[in-house]
Protein backbone atom coordinates (compact mmCIF):
# COMPACT_ATOMS: atom_id res chain seq x y z
CA MET A 1 -11.35 4.38 -24.10
CA LYS A 2 -10.62 4.18 -20.39
CA LYS A 3 -14.27 4.81 -19.51
CA VAL A 4 -15.39 2.05 -21.85
CA LEU A 5 -13.02 -0.45 -20.22
CA VAL A 6 -14.20 0.49 -16.73
CA PHE A 7 -17.83 0.17 -17.79
CA ALA A 8 -17.18 -3.21 -19.42
CA SER A 9 -15.39 -4.50 -16.33
CA PHE A 10 -18.33 -3.54 -14.11
CA LEU A 11 -20.71 -5.08 -16.60
CA PHE A 12 -19.04 -8.50 -16.60
CA VAL A 13 -18.11 -8.80 -12.90
CA PRO A 14 -21.60 -9.99 -11.82
CA LEU A 15 -21.50 -12.74 -14.45
CA ILE A 16 -18.25 -14.07 -13.04
CA ASN A 17 -19.61 -13.92 -9.47
CA TRP A 18 -22.79 -15.83 -10.33
CA ALA A 19 -20.80 -18.56 -12.05
CA GLN A 20 -18.55 -18.94 -9.04
CA CYS A 21 -21.50 -19.08 -6.64
CA ALA A 22 -23.15 -21.84 -8.67
CA MET A 23 -19.96 -23.89 -8.61
CA CYS A 24 -19.54 -23.44 -4.86
CA ARG A 25 -23.19 -24.27 -4.20
CA THR A 26 -22.96 -27.50 -6.24
CA GLN A 27 -19.79 -28.59 -4.46
CA ILE A 28 -21.28 -27.89 -1.03
CA LYS A 29 -24.49 -29.77 -1.87
CA ASN A 30 -22.47 -32.79 -2.97
CA ASN A 31 -20.33 -32.74 0.18
CA VAL A 32 -23.23 -32.23 2.60
CA SER A 33 -25.26 -35.00 0.98
CA ALA A 34 -22.25 -37.29 1.43
CA GLY A 35 -22.11 -36.37 5.15
CA GLU A 36 -19.11 -33.99 5.06
CA THR A 37 -19.88 -30.63 6.67
CA SER A 38 -16.36 -29.30 7.19
CA MET A 39 -16.24 -27.73 3.74
CA ALA A 40 -19.60 -26.00 4.30
CA GLU A 41 -18.42 -24.64 7.65
CA GLY A 42 -15.24 -23.35 6.06
CA LEU A 43 -17.20 -21.65 3.31
CA ASN A 44 -19.53 -20.05 5.86
CA ASN A 45 -16.55 -18.78 7.87
CA GLY A 46 -15.02 -17.33 4.71
CA ILE A 47 -18.26 -15.59 3.83
CA MET A 48 -18.51 -14.09 7.32
CA PHE A 49 -14.88 -12.93 7.13
CA LEU A 50 -15.49 -11.25 3.78
CA PHE A 51 -18.70 -9.70 5.10
CA PHE A 52 -17.27 -8.12 8.25
CA THR A 53 -13.80 -7.07 7.03
CA PRO A 54 -14.91 -3.89 5.18
CA TYR A 55 -16.97 -2.76 8.18
CA ILE A 56 -14.05 -3.28 10.54
CA VAL A 57 -11.72 -1.33 8.24
CA VAL A 58 -14.20 1.56 7.97
CA PHE A 59 -14.74 1.71 11.74
CA VAL A 60 -10.98 1.69 12.40
CA LEU A 61 -10.48 4.52 9.89
CA ILE A 62 -13.30 6.54 11.46
CA PHE A 63 -11.84 5.97 14.93
CA LEU A 64 -8.36 7.04 13.81
CA TRP A 65 -9.77 10.11 12.07
CA TYR A 66 -11.79 11.05 15.16
CA ARG A 67 -8.82 10.56 17.48
CA ASN A 68 -6.55 12.57 15.19
CA SER A 69 -9.04 15.43 14.84
CA LYS A 70 -9.57 15.49 18.61
CA THR A 71 -5.84 15.76 19.36
CA THR A 72 -5.35 18.38 16.63
CA LYS A 73 -8.22 20.43 18.03
CA SER A 74 -6.85 20.33 21.59
CA VAL A 75 -3.37 21.34 20.44
CA SER A 76 -4.74 24.31 18.52
CA LEU A 77 -6.70 25.46 21.60
CA ILE A 78 -3.55 25.27 23.74
CA GLU A 79 -1.66 27.34 21.15
CA ARG A 80 -4.41 29.96 21.19
CA PHE A 81 -4.16 30.46 24.92
CA LYS A 82 -0.36 30.77 24.79
CA SER A 83 -0.55 33.74 22.41
């Protein structure tokens, strides 16, 4: 049952996203045609934020993993020479 629910949720997520994009696009077109560009700029900034956030999180995690593995490796080498 759990697998069916997960499959159904992945199946319907794109439909929700497309509906939301159409609503945003219509609102932006109406505002830009009326001469207001602040809403379009805000939407573009939000899109850029959502685009770059996962990459920043992944790079920070990779950096922390690399730094941690480097310090762990140097400590183990020091312990080997003490023995």
